Amino acid sequence: MKRMVILFVLILFLAPLTTAQEKPLVVTSIAPIAEILREAFGDTVQVEYLVPLGVDPHQYQLTPDQIEEIQRADVVVTIGHLPAEEKIEELKREGILKGKVLGIEDYQRYGFRYLPERWYNNKYNLHGIWLDPYNALAIAEAVKDALANSPAYTSLDSRFSEFEAKLEGIVLAYQKLGLEGKKALIELPSQQYTLEWMGIIAVDSIKPEEEVPAKSVDELLTVAKTVDVIVYSEESPEPLKSAALELSKRTGIPVVKVSVMWSGRDYTEVLAQNSANIASAFRSYAPEQGQTFQQTNLNTTYILLALVVGITLGTALGVIIKN
């Protein structure tokens, strides 16, 4: 009897460890994709990313420890054009990966879309794809279905439904603002994905592509005078930021700051804040010359976020009732 009690106590202590070990491991290339998945699935999965923040992902090479982690992963999430992902594809061809490797073709089954670089031969824009909420949802849904045989699937499916409802609420709220057909000048191609789901069209980019030199302020003045907003990233190199601010100063067109690369913040929080910053540039009164909408004022923020929260909570409540 005493042995049975001891065995029962050991089982109770070891059970949480076993549960933790059963969490699926999902490895992504960059931090924003990891934040999408962490919010979409909560603590039902373990999510890690490979490229440290502040490091150029187009130059980063994997460490031996990271290669071992990839080999243990249940799902590996790639975005299709980074050197680290070329190594992942090599490991996949060698047949030494435990889990599934997901790429753009997998996400396209769920509604993923590339946008055309109108300023650069209409080629597919490979940068910042996660900033479009439809793409974020497609990536998360592809991961969910890749984990269909996991013991945690029921829980992560429920969490995904909540995430989907929040995204749909934010999209609906901002699309109701009627910004279709407005035009923007962006600083880098990645910022295109913060705009076009709202109906705002990116017509030119200060730096057209990774391999192409940035255009000068003088070269862009004519285009800048025809747009409604200028957009730049807080993480961008200082010369590019300065160019965006100078264009705004010389044309009187409002300039907006958005986040492109981040960690430690929910995807929907960043999406809503980026969108609120952009929408604030289209207020009914004229902005002061060169005014930067890097953070909306309190009145505008309250109005926009109240709209978002109201629709989001209503949609989420519908999901809860349905479940």
Protein backbone atom coordinates (compact mmCIF):
# COMPACT_ATOMS: atom_id res chain seq x y z
CA MET A 1 0.00 0.00 0.00
CA LYS A 2 2.82 2.37 0.92
CA ARG A 3 4.50 1.70 -2.44
CA MET A 4 1.24 2.49 -4.27
CA VAL A 5 0.96 5.86 -2.49
CA ILE A 6 4.56 6.75 -3.33
CA LEU A 7 3.99 5.77 -6.98
CA PHE A 8 0.82 7.88 -7.14
CA VAL A 9 2.63 10.92 -5.70
CA LEU A 10 5.47 10.52 -8.22
CA ILE A 11 2.95 10.39 -11.07
CA LEU A 12 1.34 13.62 -9.86
CA PHE A 13 4.72 15.39 -9.76
CA LEU A 14 5.86 14.09 -13.12
CA ALA A 15 2.59 14.74 -14.98
CA PRO A 16 3.22 18.48 -15.55
CA LEU A 17 6.67 17.69 -16.93
CA THR A 18 5.20 15.18 -19.35
CA THR A 19 2.55 17.68 -20.45
CA ALA A 20 5.18 20.36 -21.07
CA GLN A 21 7.23 17.95 -23.15
CA GLU A 22 4.18 17.17 -25.28
CA LYS A 23 3.79 20.77 -26.43
CA PRO A 24 4.52 20.94 -30.15
CA LEU A 25 7.68 22.89 -30.99
CA VAL A 26 7.25 25.43 -33.80
CA VAL A 27 10.38 27.18 -35.10
CA THR A 28 10.10 30.30 -37.26
CA SER A 29 12.72 32.32 -39.08
CA ILE A 30 11.89 35.79 -37.70
CA ALA A 31 10.34 37.33 -34.58
CA PRO A 32 7.08 38.80 -36.00
CA ILE A 33 6.03 35.39 -37.35
CA ALA A 34 6.70 33.95 -33.90
CA GLU A 35 4.45 36.62 -32.34
CA ILE A 36 1.65 35.73 -34.77
CA LEU A 37 1.83 32.09 -33.69
CA ARG A 38 2.20 32.83 -29.98
CA GLU A 39 -0.95 34.92 -30.05
CA ALA A 40 -2.80 32.47 -32.30
CA PHE A 41 -2.05 29.41 -30.15
CA GLY A 42 -1.10 30.71 -26.70
CA ASP A 43 0.62 28.21 -24.42
CA THR A 44 -0.61 25.20 -26.41
CA VAL A 45 2.62 25.32 -28.45
CA GLN A 46 6.24 26.29 -27.87
CA VAL A 47 7.37 28.89 -30.43
CA GLU A 48 10.98 29.93 -31.10
CA TYR A 49 12.52 32.16 -33.77
CA LEU A 50 15.97 32.04 -35.34
CA VAL A 51 17.12 35.50 -36.48
CA PRO A 52 17.82 37.86 -33.54
CA LEU A 53 16.16 41.26 -33.60
CA GLY A 54 18.46 44.00 -34.85
CA VAL A 55 20.28 41.62 -37.20
CA ASP A 56 19.76 41.80 -40.95
CA PRO A 57 17.80 38.59 -41.75
CA HIS A 58 19.17 38.70 -45.31
CA GLN A 59 22.69 38.13 -43.92
CA TYR A 60 22.10 35.84 -40.93
CA GLN A 61 23.49 32.30 -40.86
CA LEU A 62 22.24 29.57 -38.50
CA THR A 63 24.27 28.41 -35.50
CA PRO A 64 24.85 24.68 -34.74
CA ASP A 65 22.47 24.92 -31.75
CA GLN A 66 19.75 26.35 -33.97
CA ILE A 67 20.21 23.56 -36.49
CA GLU A 68 19.68 21.05 -33.68
CA GLU A 69 16.54 22.91 -32.62
CA ILE A 70 15.18 22.81 -36.17
CA GLN A 71 15.76 19.07 -36.25
CA ARG A 72 13.58 18.69 -33.11
CA ALA A 73 10.77 20.94 -34.34
CA ASP A 74 7.31 19.63 -35.17
CA VAL A 75 6.76 22.47 -37.63
CA VAL A 76 9.23 24.91 -39.23
CA VAL A 77 7.73 28.13 -40.61
CA THR A 78 9.60 29.95 -43.39
CA ILE A 79 8.88 33.05 -45.49
CA GLY A 80 10.76 31.95 -48.56
CA HIS A 81 13.84 34.06 -49.27
CA LEU A 82 16.32 34.19 -46.37
CA PRO A 83 19.76 32.48 -46.20
CA ALA A 84 18.73 30.77 -42.96
CA GLU A 85 15.77 29.29 -44.80
CA GLU A 86 17.99 28.01 -47.59
CA LYS A 87 19.80 25.98 -44.93
CA ILE A 88 16.45 24.68 -43.67
CA GLU A 89 15.57 23.53 -47.20
CA GLU A 90 18.95 21.79 -47.40
CA LEU A 91 18.24 19.94 -44.14
CA LYS A 92 14.82 19.00 -45.50
CA ARG A 93 16.34 17.53 -48.67
CA GLU A 94 18.76 15.54 -46.53
CA GLY A 95 15.75 13.96 -44.77
CA ILE A 96 16.96 14.70 -41.25
CA LEU A 97 14.10 16.93 -40.09
CA LYS A 98 11.49 15.52 -37.74
CA GLY A 99 8.68 17.91 -38.61
CA LYS A 100 7.00 19.66 -41.53
CA VAL A 101 8.56 22.65 -43.26
CA LEU A 102 5.97 25.22 -44.34
CA GLY A 103 6.51 27.83 -47.05
CA ILE A 104 4.62 30.28 -49.23
CA GLU A 105 2.81 27.61 -51.27
CA ASP A 106 1.35 26.20 -48.05
CA TYR A 107 0.04 29.61 -46.95
CA GLN A 108 -1.44 30.35 -50.38
CA ARG A 109 -3.96 27.56 -49.80
CA TYR A 110 -5.39 29.69 -46.98
CA GLY A 111 -5.53 33.05 -48.72
CA PHE A 112 -1.95 34.31 -48.59
CA ARG A 113 -1.16 36.91 -51.27
CA TYR A 114 1.91 38.71 -52.56
CA LEU A 115 1.57 42.37 -53.53
CA PRO A 116 3.20 43.80 -56.69
CA GLU A 117 6.05 46.29 -56.41
CA ARG A 118 4.55 48.89 -58.76
CA TRP A 119 7.73 50.96 -58.49
CA TYR A 120 10.00 48.04 -59.45
CA ASN A 121 8.75 46.12 -62.52
CA ASN A 122 5.68 44.81 -60.66
CA LYS A 123 7.72 41.97 -59.18
CA TYR A 124 6.34 40.17 -56.14
CA ASN A 125 7.08 42.02 -52.92
CA LEU A 126 8.77 39.46 -50.65
CA HIS A 127 9.27 41.84 -47.71
CA GLY A 128 6.97 42.43 -44.74
CA ILE A 129 4.36 39.89 -45.85
CA TRP A 130 3.28 39.30 -42.22
CA LEU A 131 2.04 42.91 -41.89
CA ASP A 132 -1.04 42.07 -43.96
CA PRO A 133 -3.59 40.49 -41.56
CA TYR A 134 -4.84 38.12 -44.26
CA ASN A 135 -1.31 36.76 -44.63
CA ALA A 136 -0.87 36.47 -40.87
CA LEU A 137 -4.09 34.48 -40.65
CA ALA A 138 -3.06 32.24 -43.57
CA ILE A 139 0.29 31.45 -41.94
CA ALA A 140 -1.34 30.64 -38.59
CA GLU A 141 -3.99 28.44 -40.20
CA ALA A 142 -1.36 26.50 -42.17
CA VAL A 143 0.52 25.84 -38.91
CA LYS A 144 -2.69 24.77 -37.17
CA ASP A 145 -3.48 22.23 -39.85
CA ALA A 146 0.13 21.02 -39.89
CA LEU A 147 -0.40 20.11 -36.22
CA ALA A 148 -3.69 18.27 -36.88
CA ASN A 149 -2.30 15.02 -35.42
CA SER A 150 -0.98 16.67 -32.27
CA PRO A 151 -2.62 15.81 -28.89
CA ALA A 152 -2.87 19.59 -28.37
CA TYR A 153 -4.88 20.15 -31.57
CA THR A 154 -8.28 20.72 -29.92
CA SER A 155 -6.86 23.42 -27.66
CA LEU A 156 -4.87 25.17 -30.36
CA ASP A 157 -7.85 25.06 -32.73
CA SER A 158 -9.96 26.86 -30.12
CA ARG A 159 -7.26 29.48 -29.55
CA PHE A 160 -6.93 29.97 -33.30
CA SER A 161 -10.67 30.72 -33.57
CA GLU A 162 -10.28 33.51 -31.02
CA PHE A 163 -7.28 34.93 -32.89
CA GLU A 164 -9.19 34.77 -36.17
CA ALA A 165 -12.11 36.67 -34.61
CA LYS A 166 -9.81 39.41 -33.30
CA LEU A 167 -8.16 39.85 -36.70
CA GLU A 168 -11.49 39.95 -38.52
CA GLY A 169 -12.73 42.59 -36.07
CA ILE A 170 -9.72 44.82 -36.66
CA VAL A 171 -9.92 44.40 -40.44
CA LEU A 172 -13.63 45.24 -40.47
CA ALA A 173 -13.13 48.30 -38.25
CA TYR A 174 -10.42 49.87 -40.37
CA GLN A 175 -11.94 49.00 -43.72
CA LYS A 176 -15.06 50.91 -42.61
CA LEU A 177 -13.00 54.11 -42.54
CA GLY A 178 -13.28 54.42 -46.34
CA LEU A 179 -9.61 54.87 -47.27
CA GLU A 180 -9.87 52.98 -50.58
CA GLY A 181 -7.99 54.72 -53.37
CA LYS A 182 -5.80 56.86 -51.12
CA LYS A 183 -2.13 56.88 -52.12
CA ALA A 184 1.09 56.47 -50.15
CA LEU A 185 4.82 56.86 -50.64
CA ILE A 186 6.68 54.27 -48.58
CA GLU A 187 10.25 54.19 -47.37
CA LEU A 188 10.84 50.43 -47.82
CA PRO A 189 8.85 47.75 -49.68
CA SER A 190 7.82 46.02 -46.42
CA GLN A 191 5.56 48.94 -45.49
CA GLN A 192 3.31 48.21 -48.47
CA TYR A 193 1.74 45.39 -46.45
CA THR A 194 0.67 47.77 -43.66
CA LEU A 195 -1.42 49.75 -46.15
CA GLU A 196 -3.03 47.87 -48.96
CA TRP A 197 -5.41 45.71 -46.93
CA MET A 198 -6.93 49.05 -45.84
CA GLY A 199 -7.35 50.10 -49.49
CA ILE A 200 -4.41 52.54 -49.53
CA ILE A 201 -2.13 52.07 -52.57
CA ALA A 202 1.66 52.30 -52.31
CA VAL A 203 2.82 54.04 -55.49
CA ASP A 204 6.57 54.37 -54.88
CA SER A 205 9.33 53.46 -52.42
CA ILE A 206 12.34 55.51 -51.31
CA LYS A 207 14.44 52.34 -51.46
CA PRO A 208 12.85 50.25 -54.23
CA GLU A 209 14.46 46.90 -53.32
CA GLU A 210 17.20 45.29 -51.25
CA GLU A 211 19.69 45.36 -54.13
CA VAL A 212 18.71 48.83 -55.45
CA PRO A 213 20.11 52.15 -54.13
CA ALA A 214 17.70 54.53 -52.43
CA LYS A 215 16.24 57.39 -54.46
CA SER A 216 17.08 60.96 -53.49
CA VAL A 217 14.62 63.40 -51.95
CA ASP A 218 14.82 65.61 -55.03
CA GLU A 219 14.10 62.63 -57.26
CA LEU A 220 10.94 61.78 -55.28
CA LEU A 221 9.51 65.27 -54.76
CA THR A 222 7.15 65.14 -57.72
CA VAL A 223 5.67 61.78 -56.67
CA ALA A 224 5.50 62.84 -53.01
CA LYS A 225 3.27 65.79 -53.90
CA THR A 226 0.67 63.43 -55.40
CA VAL A 227 0.22 61.10 -52.41
CA ASP A 228 -1.88 61.37 -49.25
CA VAL A 229 0.62 59.98 -46.75
CA ILE A 230 4.31 59.06 -46.40
CA VAL A 231 5.14 55.94 -44.38
CA TYR A 232 8.39 54.84 -42.74
CA SER A 233 9.50 52.20 -40.20
CA GLU A 234 10.85 52.94 -36.76
CA GLU A 235 13.45 50.18 -37.26
CA SER A 236 14.80 51.54 -40.56
CA PRO A 237 18.29 53.01 -41.12
CA GLU A 238 18.52 56.69 -40.17
CA PRO A 239 19.26 57.98 -43.71
CA LEU A 240 16.00 56.45 -44.99
CA LYS A 241 13.98 57.84 -42.07
CA SER A 242 15.52 61.26 -42.65
CA ALA A 243 14.53 61.11 -46.32
CA ALA A 244 10.90 60.35 -45.40
CA LEU A 245 10.80 63.20 -42.90
CA GLU A 246 12.43 65.62 -45.35
CA LEU A 247 9.92 64.74 -48.06
CA SER A 248 7.09 65.44 -45.61
CA LYS A 249 8.64 68.74 -44.59
CA ARG A 250 9.09 69.90 -48.19
CA THR A 251 5.67 68.81 -49.44
CA GLY A 252 3.41 69.21 -46.41
CA ILE A 253 2.26 65.60 -46.75
CA PRO A 254 1.76 63.89 -43.34
CA VAL A 255 4.32 61.23 -42.42
CA VAL A 256 3.47 58.11 -40.41
CA LYS A 257 5.69 55.76 -38.42
CA VAL A 258 4.91 52.01 -38.28
CA SER A 259 6.48 48.91 -36.74
CA VAL A 260 7.77 46.18 -39.05
CA MET A 261 10.07 44.04 -36.87
CA TRP A 262 9.30 43.47 -33.19
CA SER A 263 9.13 40.92 -30.39
CA GLY A 264 7.24 40.76 -27.10
CA ARG A 265 4.03 42.38 -28.37
CA ASP A 266 0.88 40.69 -29.64
CA TYR A 267 0.43 40.78 -33.39
CA THR A 268 -3.05 42.30 -33.10
CA GLU A 269 -1.69 45.07 -30.86
CA VAL A 270 0.93 46.03 -33.45
CA LEU A 271 -1.58 45.72 -36.29
CA ALA A 272 -4.09 47.98 -34.54
CA GLN A 273 -1.47 50.58 -33.60
CA ASN A 274 0.07 50.70 -37.09
CA SER A 275 -3.38 51.07 -38.58
CA ALA A 276 -4.42 53.76 -36.08
CA ASN A 277 -1.28 55.74 -36.89
CA ILE A 278 -1.98 55.49 -40.62
CA ALA A 279 -5.68 56.33 -40.26
CA SER A 280 -4.84 59.39 -38.14
CA ALA A 281 -3.18 60.98 -41.18
CA PHE A 282 -6.60 61.14 -42.87
CA ARG A 283 -8.37 63.24 -40.25
CA SER A 284 -10.72 65.89 -41.60
CA TYR A 285 -8.53 68.85 -40.65
CA ALA A 286 -5.25 69.64 -42.37
CA PRO A 287 -2.08 68.58 -40.49
CA GLU A 288 0.68 70.97 -39.70
CA GLN A 289 3.41 70.95 -42.31
CA GLY A 290 5.77 68.00 -41.75
CA GLN A 291 3.70 66.63 -38.86
CA THR A 292 4.64 63.04 -37.97
CA PHE A 293 1.85 60.65 -37.01
CA GLN A 294 4.04 58.23 -35.09
CA GLN A 295 1.48 58.05 -32.28
CA THR A 296 -2.11 59.17 -32.60
CA ASN A 297 -3.39 61.75 -30.13
CA LEU A 298 -5.63 60.59 -27.30
CA ASN A 299 -8.95 61.58 -28.86
CA THR A 300 -8.19 59.90 -32.18
CA THR A 301 -6.77 56.81 -30.47
CA TYR A 302 -9.84 56.43 -28.25
CA ILE A 303 -12.24 56.73 -31.19
CA LEU A 304 -10.35 54.32 -33.44
CA LEU A 305 -9.56 51.75 -30.77
CA ALA A 306 -13.08 51.89 -29.35
CA LEU A 307 -14.30 51.02 -32.84
CA VAL A 308 -11.80 48.18 -33.10
CA VAL A 309 -12.43 46.83 -29.60
CA GLY A 310 -16.21 46.99 -29.98
CA ILE A 311 -16.26 45.04 -33.22
CA THR A 312 -13.54 42.65 -32.02
CA LEU A 313 -15.34 41.83 -28.77
CA GLY A 314 -18.60 41.32 -30.62
CA THR A 315 -16.96 38.95 -33.10
CA ALA A 316 -15.09 37.10 -30.35
CA LEU A 317 -18.31 36.71 -28.36
CA GLY A 318 -19.90 35.16 -31.42
CA VAL A 319 -17.06 32.65 -31.63
CA ILE A 320 -17.39 31.76 -27.94
CA ILE A 321 -21.16 31.26 -28.26
CA LYS A 322 -20.64 29.15 -31.39
CA ASN A 323 -18.08 26.94 -29.61
